[in-house]
Each structure stands twice: as C-alpha cells, then as structure tokens.
C-alpha cells in the first residue's frame, strides 16, 4: 500500500476529521481514508444518469421559456459560497 503525507492541513479541518473519527470509532487515518474514498468514488452509470436528468431538465426549462443567463448562475454560485 502507498503512503501519503499531508502537509499544511488547516487546524479546523484536522479537528473536524478527528471529531468525525471519534464519532465513527475510527482512527483519524481510517476516517481520512473513508472520506477520501467517498469523495473520489465515481460511478459511470450514476454520471450518465445525472447527465440524462440534467439534459431533460434543460430541455424542459427551455420549452417553458424559463432559462437562466450566465450572470444569474454566477450570482447564485457566489451566494452559495457565502
């Protein structure tokens, strides 16, 4: 198995990981592996289904005359980051 060393982990992130590990009765390393696996897990079928749903959603909105401008989307993204 490979070994990865993480440097400059923000204190808040490290504490969140440790708290999650305690809650799940795991070591911080075990918890980091579980969360990393979940974050990078890709299921092609899920991606294909998601794209189909997105395509149907877009077509429906366009047919109803409800479509958003790029600046609207950017505004919502910025609001979500706050």
PDB file of N, CA and C in Angstrom:
ATOM      1  N   UNK A   1       0.838  -1.185   0.000  1.00  0.00           N
ATOM      2  CA  UNK A   1       0.000   0.000   0.000  1.00  0.00           C
ATOM      3  C   UNK A   1       0.873   1.234   0.000  1.00  0.00           C
ATOM      4  N   UNK A   2       0.360   2.256  -0.633  1.00  0.00           N
ATOM      5  CA  UNK A   2       1.087   3.528  -0.706  1.00  0.00           C
ATOM      6  C   UNK A   2       0.896   4.321   0.579  1.00  0.00           C
ATOM      7  N   UNK A   3       1.823   5.217   0.813  1.00  0.00           N
ATOM      8  CA  UNK A   3       1.735   6.128   1.945  1.00  0.00           C
ATOM      9  C   UNK A   3       1.682   7.549   1.415  1.00  0.00           C
ATOM     10  N   UNK A   4       0.760   8.337   1.956  1.00  0.00           N
ATOM     11  CA  UNK A   4       0.631   9.737   1.565  1.00  0.00           C
ATOM     12  C   UNK A   4       0.751  10.577   2.828  1.00  0.00           C
ATOM     13  N   UNK A   5       1.542  11.614   2.769  1.00  0.00           N
ATOM     14  CA  UNK A   5       1.687  12.543   3.876  1.00  0.00           C
ATOM     15  C   UNK A   5       1.046  13.860   3.474  1.00  0.00           C
ATOM     16  N   UNK A   6       0.151  14.360   4.308  1.00  0.00           N
ATOM     17  CA  UNK A   6      -0.483  15.643   4.042  1.00  0.00           C
ATOM     18  C   UNK A   6       0.199  16.706   4.890  1.00  0.00           C
ATOM     19  N   UNK A   7       0.557  17.807   4.247  1.00  0.00           N
ATOM     20  CA  UNK A   7       1.185  18.913   4.959  1.00  0.00           C
ATOM     21  C   UNK A   7       0.269  20.117   4.912  1.00  0.00           C
ATOM     22  N   UNK A   8       0.443  20.986   5.869  1.00  0.00           N
ATOM     23  CA  UNK A   8      -0.285  22.252   5.933  1.00  0.00           C
ATOM     24  C   UNK A   8      -1.798  22.062   5.974  1.00  0.00           C
ATOM     25  N   UNK A   9      -2.252  21.054   6.705  1.00  0.00           N
ATOM     26  CA  UNK A   9      -3.684  20.830   6.878  1.00  0.00           C
ATOM     27  C   UNK A   9      -4.195  21.910   7.836  1.00  0.00           C
ATOM     28  N   UNK A  10      -5.207  22.666   7.420  1.00  0.00           N
ATOM     29  CA  UNK A  10      -5.746  23.697   8.316  1.00  0.00           C
ATOM     30  C   UNK A  10      -6.224  23.076   9.629  1.00  0.00           C
ATOM     31  N   UNK A  11      -5.975  23.776  10.728  1.00  0.00           N
ATOM     32  CA  UNK A  11      -6.344  23.268  12.050  1.00  0.00           C
ATOM     33  C   UNK A  11      -7.816  22.884  12.128  1.00  0.00           C
ATOM     34  N   UNK A  12      -8.686  23.716  11.573  1.00  0.00           N
ATOM     35  CA  UNK A  12     -10.122  23.452  11.630  1.00  0.00           C
ATOM     36  C   UNK A  12     -10.467  22.153  10.906  1.00  0.00           C
ATOM     37  N   UNK A  13      -9.839  21.911   9.767  1.00  0.00           N
ATOM     38  CA  UNK A  13     -10.083  20.685   9.018  1.00  0.00           C
ATOM     39  C   UNK A  13      -9.585  19.469   9.802  1.00  0.00           C
ATOM     40  N   UNK A  14      -8.419  19.590  10.397  1.00  0.00           N
ATOM     41  CA  UNK A  14      -7.864  18.487  11.187  1.00  0.00           C
ATOM     42  C   UNK A  14      -8.772  18.162  12.370  1.00  0.00           C
ATOM     43  N   UNK A  15      -9.289  19.181  13.033  1.00  0.00           N
ATOM     44  CA  UNK A  15     -10.180  18.956  14.168  1.00  0.00           C
ATOM     45  C   UNK A  15     -11.495  18.326  13.724  1.00  0.00           C
ATOM     46  N   UNK A  16     -12.013  18.763  12.582  1.00  0.00           N
ATOM     47  CA  UNK A  16     -13.246  18.179  12.051  1.00  0.00           C
ATOM     48  C   UNK A  16     -13.038  16.704  11.747  1.00  0.00           C
ATOM     49  N   UNK A  17     -11.914  16.378  11.158  1.00  0.00           N
ATOM     50  CA  UNK A  17     -11.598  14.982  10.842  1.00  0.00           C
ATOM     51  C   UNK A  17     -11.483  14.155  12.121  1.00  0.00           C
ATOM     52  N   UNK A  18     -10.801  14.684  13.110  1.00  0.00           N
ATOM     53  CA  UNK A  18     -10.645  13.961  14.377  1.00  0.00           C
ATOM     54  C   UNK A  18     -11.986  13.750  15.067  1.00  0.00           C
ATOM     55  N   UNK A  19     -12.837  14.762  15.008  1.00  0.00           N
ATOM     56  CA  UNK A  19     -14.169  14.655  15.611  1.00  0.00           C
ATOM     57  C   UNK A  19     -14.985  13.568  14.902  1.00  0.00           C
ATOM     58  N   UNK A  20     -14.937  13.575  13.566  1.00  0.00           N
ATOM     59  CA  UNK A  20     -15.641  12.541  12.787  1.00  0.00           C
ATOM     60  C   UNK A  20     -15.105  11.161  13.119  1.00  0.00           C
ATOM     61  N   UNK A  21     -13.798  11.062  13.263  1.00  0.00           N
ATOM     62  CA  UNK A  21     -13.173   9.773  13.583  1.00  0.00           C
ATOM     63  C   UNK A  21     -13.661   9.260  14.936  1.00  0.00           C
ATOM     64  N   UNK A  22     -13.708  10.146  15.920  1.00  0.00           N
ATOM     65  CA  UNK A  22     -14.186   9.729  17.247  1.00  0.00           C
ATOM     66  C   UNK A  22     -15.638   9.265  17.175  1.00  0.00           C
ATOM     67  N   UNK A  23     -16.460  10.003  16.442  1.00  0.00           N
ATOM     68  CA  UNK A  23     -17.874   9.653  16.305  1.00  0.00           C
ATOM     69  C   UNK A  23     -18.049   8.281  15.660  1.00  0.00           C
ATOM     70  N   UNK A  24     -17.203   7.976  14.697  1.00  0.00           N
ATOM     71  CA  UNK A  24     -17.294   6.706  13.962  1.00  0.00           C
ATOM     72  C   UNK A  24     -16.426   5.605  14.565  1.00  0.00           C
ATOM     73  N   UNK A  25     -15.772   5.902  15.697  1.00  0.00           N
ATOM     74  CA  UNK A  25     -14.898   4.939  16.371  1.00  0.00           C
ATOM     75  C   UNK A  25     -13.791   4.447  15.442  1.00  0.00           C
ATOM     76  N   UNK A  26     -13.143   5.400  14.788  1.00  0.00           N
ATOM     77  CA  UNK A  26     -12.027   5.099  13.893  1.00  0.00           C
ATOM     78  C   UNK A  26     -10.855   5.983  14.277  1.00  0.00           C
ATOM     79  N   UNK A  27      -9.694   5.602  13.755  1.00  0.00           N
ATOM     80  CA  UNK A  27      -8.544   6.494  13.893  1.00  0.00           C
ATOM     81  C   UNK A  27      -8.719   7.617  12.873  1.00  0.00           C
ATOM     82  N   UNK A  28      -7.966   8.678  13.059  1.00  0.00           N
ATOM     83  CA  UNK A  28      -8.029   9.786  12.103  1.00  0.00           C
ATOM     84  C   UNK A  28      -7.607   9.315  10.717  1.00  0.00           C
ATOM     85  N   UNK A  29      -6.628   8.438  10.654  1.00  0.00           N
ATOM     86  CA  UNK A  29      -6.173   7.898   9.358  1.00  0.00           C
ATOM     87  C   UNK A  29      -7.278   7.083   8.697  1.00  0.00           C
ATOM     88  N   UNK A  30      -7.924   6.209   9.458  1.00  0.00           N
ATOM     89  CA  UNK A  30      -9.020   5.412   8.901  1.00  0.00           C
ATOM     90  C   UNK A  30     -10.152   6.312   8.409  1.00  0.00           C
ATOM     91  N   UNK A  31     -10.481   7.323   9.203  1.00  0.00           N
ATOM     92  CA  UNK A  31     -11.560   8.237   8.815  1.00  0.00           C
ATOM     93  C   UNK A  31     -11.182   9.013   7.559  1.00  0.00           C
ATOM     94  N   UNK A  32      -9.937   9.453   7.483  1.00  0.00           N
ATOM     95  CA  UNK A  32      -9.481  10.182   6.288  1.00  0.00           C
ATOM     96  C   UNK A  32      -9.599   9.305   5.047  1.00  0.00           C
ATOM     97  N   UNK A  33      -9.244   8.022   5.177  1.00  0.00           N
ATOM     98  CA  UNK A  33      -9.348   7.104   4.044  1.00  0.00           C
ATOM     99  C   UNK A  33     -10.803   6.910   3.617  1.00  0.00           C
ATOM    100  N   UNK A  34     -11.695   6.738   4.591  1.00  0.00           N
ATOM    101  CA  UNK A  34     -13.115   6.565   4.278  1.00  0.00           C
ATOM    102  C   UNK A  34     -13.641   7.800   3.545  1.00  0.00           C
ATOM    103  N   UNK A  35     -13.345   8.969   4.073  1.00  0.00           N
ATOM    104  CA  UNK A  35     -13.850  10.199   3.468  1.00  0.00           C
ATOM    105  C   UNK A  35     -13.214  10.462   2.106  1.00  0.00           C
ATOM    106  N   UNK A  36     -11.944  10.129   1.962  1.00  0.00           N
ATOM    107  CA  UNK A  36     -11.280  10.294   0.670  1.00  0.00           C
ATOM    108  C   UNK A  36     -11.882   9.353  -0.368  1.00  0.00           C
ATOM    109  N   UNK A  37     -12.126   8.114   0.026  1.00  0.00           N
ATOM    110  CA  UNK A  37     -12.753   7.151  -0.893  1.00  0.00           C
ATOM    111  C   UNK A  37     -14.121   7.638  -1.339  1.00  0.00           C
ATOM    112  N   UNK A  38     -14.901   8.172  -0.412  1.00  0.00           N
ATOM    113  CA  UNK A  38     -16.229   8.685  -0.752  1.00  0.00           C
ATOM    114  C   UNK A  38     -16.127   9.889  -1.674  1.00  0.00           C
ATOM    115  N   UNK A  39     -15.142  10.729  -1.448  1.00  0.00           N
ATOM    116  CA  UNK A  39     -15.002  11.946  -2.250  1.00  0.00           C
ATOM    117  C   UNK A  39     -14.593  11.658  -3.685  1.00  0.00           C
ATOM    118  N   UNK A  40     -13.809  10.617  -3.894  1.00  0.00           N
ATOM    119  CA  UNK A  40     -13.304  10.349  -5.248  1.00  0.00           C
ATOM    120  C   UNK A  40     -14.033   9.204  -5.938  1.00  0.00           C
ATOM    121  N   UNK A  41     -14.970   8.574  -5.240  1.00  0.00           N
ATOM    122  CA  UNK A  41     -15.707   7.455  -5.845  1.00  0.00           C
ATOM    123  C   UNK A  41     -16.507   7.963  -7.039  1.00  0.00           C
ATOM    124  N   UNK A  42     -16.338   7.307  -8.154  1.00  0.00           N
ATOM    125  CA  UNK A  42     -17.052   7.690  -9.371  1.00  0.00           C
ATOM    126  C   UNK A  42     -17.749   6.456  -9.917  1.00  0.00           C
ATOM    127  N   UNK A  43     -19.016   6.588 -10.129  1.00  0.00           N
ATOM    128  CA  UNK A  43     -19.776   5.510 -10.736  1.00  0.00           C
ATOM    129  C   UNK A  43     -20.261   6.015 -12.084  1.00  0.00           C
ATOM    130  N   UNK A  44     -19.747   5.430 -13.175  1.00  0.00           N
ATOM    131  CA  UNK A  44     -20.070   5.907 -14.514  1.00  0.00           C
ATOM    132  C   UNK A  44     -21.566   5.885 -14.788  1.00  0.00           C
ATOM    133  N   UNK A  45     -22.261   4.862 -14.299  1.00  0.00           N
ATOM    134  CA  UNK A  45     -23.697   4.793 -14.533  1.00  0.00           C
ATOM    135  C   UNK A  45     -24.414   5.946 -13.857  1.00  0.00           C
ATOM    136  N   UNK A  46     -23.987   6.295 -12.646  1.00  0.00           N
ATOM    137  CA  UNK A  46     -24.580   7.438 -11.959  1.00  0.00           C
ATOM    138  C   UNK A  46     -24.315   8.718 -12.742  1.00  0.00           C
ATOM    139  N   UNK A  47     -23.106   8.863 -13.279  1.00  0.00           N
ATOM    140  CA  UNK A  47     -22.770  10.050 -14.061  1.00  0.00           C
ATOM    141  C   UNK A  47     -23.633  10.139 -15.309  1.00  0.00           C
ATOM    142  N   UNK A  48     -23.833   9.023 -15.980  1.00  0.00           N
ATOM    143  CA  UNK A  48     -24.649   9.007 -17.189  1.00  0.00           C
ATOM    144  C   UNK A  48     -26.091   9.368 -16.852  1.00  0.00           C
ATOM    145  N   UNK A  49     -26.613   8.795 -15.781  1.00  0.00           N
ATOM    146  CA  UNK A  49     -27.978   9.098 -15.365  1.00  0.00           C
ATOM    147  C   UNK A  49     -28.119  10.569 -14.989  1.00  0.00           C
ATOM    148  N   UNK A  50     -27.141  11.095 -14.287  1.00  0.00           N
ATOM    149  CA  UNK A  50     -27.154  12.507 -13.912  1.00  0.00           C
ATOM    150  C   UNK A  50     -27.173  13.395 -15.147  1.00  0.00           C
ATOM    151  N   UNK A  51     -26.360  13.060 -16.149  1.00  0.00           N
ATOM    152  CA  UNK A  51     -26.342  13.842 -17.384  1.00  0.00           C
ATOM    153  C   UNK A  51     -27.680  13.764 -18.112  1.00  0.00           C
ATOM    154  N   UNK A  52     -28.306  12.600 -18.113  1.00  0.00           N
ATOM    155  CA  UNK A  52     -29.634  12.458 -18.736  1.00  0.00           C
ATOM    156  C   UNK A  52     -30.660  13.343 -18.031  1.00  0.00           C
ATOM    157  N   UNK A  53     -30.628  13.309 -16.697  1.00  0.00           N
ATOM    158  CA  UNK A  53     -31.563  14.135 -15.928  1.00  0.00           C
ATOM    159  C   UNK A  53     -31.313  15.618 -16.168  1.00  0.00           C
ATOM    160  N   UNK A  54     -30.060  16.000 -16.230  1.00  0.00           N
ATOM    161  CA  UNK A  54     -29.718  17.394 -16.488  1.00  0.00           C
ATOM    162  C   UNK A  54     -30.191  17.820 -17.877  1.00  0.00           C
ATOM    163  N   UNK A  55     -29.979  16.962 -18.857  1.00  0.00           N
ATOM    164  CA  UNK A  55     -30.409  17.263 -20.222  1.00  0.00           C
ATOM    165  C   UNK A  55     -31.931  17.430 -20.282  1.00  0.00           C
ATOM    166  N   UNK A  56     -32.662  16.543 -19.627  1.00  0.00           N
ATOM    167  CA  UNK A  56     -34.123  16.641 -19.604  1.00  0.00           C
ATOM    168  C   UNK A  56     -34.565  17.920 -18.904  1.00  0.00           C
ATOM    169  N   UNK A  57     -33.903  18.263 -17.821  1.00  0.00           N
ATOM    170  CA  UNK A  57     -34.216  19.480 -17.079  1.00  0.00           C
ATOM    171  C   UNK A  57     -34.016  20.714 -17.952  1.00  0.00           C
ATOM    172  N   UNK A  58     -32.891  20.769 -18.644  1.00  0.00           N
ATOM    173  CA  UNK A  58     -32.586  21.916 -19.510  1.00  0.00           C
ATOM    174  C   UNK A  58     -33.624  22.025 -20.629  1.00  0.00           C
ATOM    175  N   UNK A  59     -33.931  20.906 -21.272  1.00  0.00           N
ATOM    176  CA  UNK A  59     -34.918  20.922 -22.354  1.00  0.00           C
ATOM    177  C   UNK A  59     -36.283  21.391 -21.851  1.00  0.00           C
ATOM    178  N   UNK A  60     -36.661  20.929 -20.670  1.00  0.00           N
ATOM    179  CA  UNK A  60     -37.946  21.326 -20.088  1.00  0.00           C
ATOM    180  C   UNK A  60     -37.978  22.822 -19.803  1.00  0.00           C
ATOM    181  N   UNK A  61     -36.898  23.342 -19.228  1.00  0.00           N
ATOM    182  CA  UNK A  61     -36.846  24.774 -18.916  1.00  0.00           C
ATOM    183  C   UNK A  61     -36.892  25.612 -20.199  1.00  0.00           C
ATOM    184  N   UNK A  62     -36.159  25.186 -21.202  1.00  0.00           N
ATOM    185  CA  UNK A  62     -36.157  25.926 -22.469  1.00  0.00           C
ATOM    186  C   UNK A  62     -37.542  25.895 -23.104  1.00  0.00           C
ATOM    187  N   UNK A  63     -38.217  24.745 -23.060  1.00  0.00           N
ATOM    188  CA  UNK A  63     -39.551  24.620 -23.644  1.00  0.00           C
ATOM    189  C   UNK A  63     -40.551  25.524 -22.929  1.00  0.00           C
ATOM    190  N   UNK A  64     -40.368  25.690 -21.608  1.00  0.00           N
ATOM    191  CA  UNK A  64     -41.268  26.544 -20.824  1.00  0.00           C
ATOM    192  C   UNK A  64     -40.884  28.014 -20.911  1.00  0.00           C
ATOM    193  N   UNK A  65     -39.792  28.306 -21.615  1.00  0.00           N
ATOM    194  CA  UNK A  65     -39.328  29.684 -21.697  1.00  0.00           C
ATOM    195  C   UNK A  65     -38.619  30.152 -20.440  1.00  0.00           C
ATOM    196  N   UNK A  66     -38.287  29.205 -19.562  1.00  0.00           N
ATOM    197  CA  UNK A  66     -37.571  29.534 -18.324  1.00  0.00           C
ATOM    198  C   UNK A  66     -36.113  29.147 -18.496  1.00  0.00           C
ATOM    199  N   UNK A  67     -35.301  30.096 -18.791  1.00  0.00           N
ATOM    200  CA  UNK A  67     -33.883  29.802 -18.929  1.00  0.00           C
ATOM    201  C   UNK A  67     -33.095  30.890 -18.227  1.00  0.00           C
ATOM    202  N   UNK A  68     -31.941  30.529 -17.706  1.00  0.00           N
ATOM    203  CA  UNK A  68     -31.157  31.475 -16.927  1.00  0.00           C
ATOM    204  C   UNK A  68     -29.978  31.972 -17.731  1.00  0.00           C
ATOM    205  N   UNK A  69     -29.624  33.204 -17.456  1.00  0.00           N
ATOM    206  CA  UNK A  69     -28.447  33.796 -18.079  1.00  0.00           C
ATOM    207  C   UNK A  69     -27.203  33.413 -17.272  1.00  0.00           C
ATOM    208  N   UNK A  70     -26.049  33.373 -17.931  1.00  0.00           N
ATOM    209  CA  UNK A  70     -24.820  33.018 -17.204  1.00  0.00           C
ATOM    210  C   UNK A  70     -24.575  33.905 -15.983  1.00  0.00           C
ATOM    211  N   UNK A  71     -24.920  35.191 -16.090  1.00  0.00           N
ATOM    212  CA  UNK A  71     -24.693  36.076 -14.930  1.00  0.00           C
ATOM    213  C   UNK A  71     -25.600  35.703 -13.757  1.00  0.00           C
ATOM    214  N   UNK A  72     -26.805  35.168 -14.035  1.00  0.00           N
ATOM    215  CA  UNK A  72     -27.668  34.695 -12.951  1.00  0.00           C
ATOM    216  C   UNK A  72     -27.024  33.513 -12.243  1.00  0.00           C
ATOM    217  N   UNK A  73     -26.494  32.597 -13.010  1.00  0.00           N
ATOM    218  CA  UNK A  73     -25.859  31.395 -12.458  1.00  0.00           C
ATOM    219  C   UNK A  73     -24.644  31.783 -11.635  1.00  0.00           C
ATOM    220  N   UNK A  74     -23.827  32.706 -12.143  1.00  0.00           N
ATOM    221  CA  UNK A  74     -22.650  33.163 -11.400  1.00  0.00           C
ATOM    222  C   UNK A  74     -23.059  33.804 -10.083  1.00  0.00           C
ATOM    223  N   UNK A  75     -24.138  34.593 -10.105  1.00  0.00           N
ATOM    224  CA  UNK A  75     -24.623  35.238  -8.880  1.00  0.00           C
ATOM    225  C   UNK A  75     -25.031  34.183  -7.853  1.00  0.00           C
ATOM    226  N   UNK A  76     -25.740  33.136  -8.289  1.00  0.00           N
ATOM    227  CA  UNK A  76     -26.180  32.079  -7.377  1.00  0.00           C
ATOM    228  C   UNK A  76     -24.992  31.309  -6.815  1.00  0.00           C
ATOM    229  N   UNK A  77     -23.996  31.076  -7.641  1.00  0.00           N
ATOM    230  CA  UNK A  77     -22.796  30.383  -7.172  1.00  0.00           C
ATOM    231  C   UNK A  77     -22.115  31.202  -6.084  1.00  0.00           C
ATOM    232  N   UNK A  78     -21.987  32.503  -6.316  1.00  0.00           N
ATOM    233  CA  UNK A  78     -21.358  33.375  -5.315  1.00  0.00           C
ATOM    234  C   UNK A  78     -22.171  33.392  -4.027  1.00  0.00           C
ATOM    235  N   UNK A  79     -23.501  33.435  -4.139  1.00  0.00           N
ATOM    236  CA  UNK A  79     -24.353  33.421  -2.949  1.00  0.00           C
ATOM    237  C   UNK A  79     -24.172  32.116  -2.179  1.00  0.00           C
ATOM    238  N   UNK A  80     -24.012  31.014  -2.899  1.00  0.00           N
ATOM    239  CA  UNK A  80     -23.818  29.715  -2.261  1.00  0.00           C
ATOM    240  C   UNK A  80     -22.496  29.612  -1.531  1.00  0.00           C
ATOM    241  N   UNK A  81     -21.524  30.372  -1.962  1.00  0.00           N
ATOM    242  CA  UNK A  81     -20.191  30.333  -1.330  1.00  0.00           C
ATOM    243  C   UNK A  81     -20.175  31.100  -0.017  1.00  0.00           C
ATOM    244  N   UNK A  82     -21.142  31.977   0.179  1.00  0.00           N
ATOM    245  CA  UNK A  82     -21.176  32.785   1.421  1.00  0.00           C
ATOM    246  C   UNK A  82     -21.703  32.031   2.582  1.00  0.00           C
TER     247      UNK A  82
END
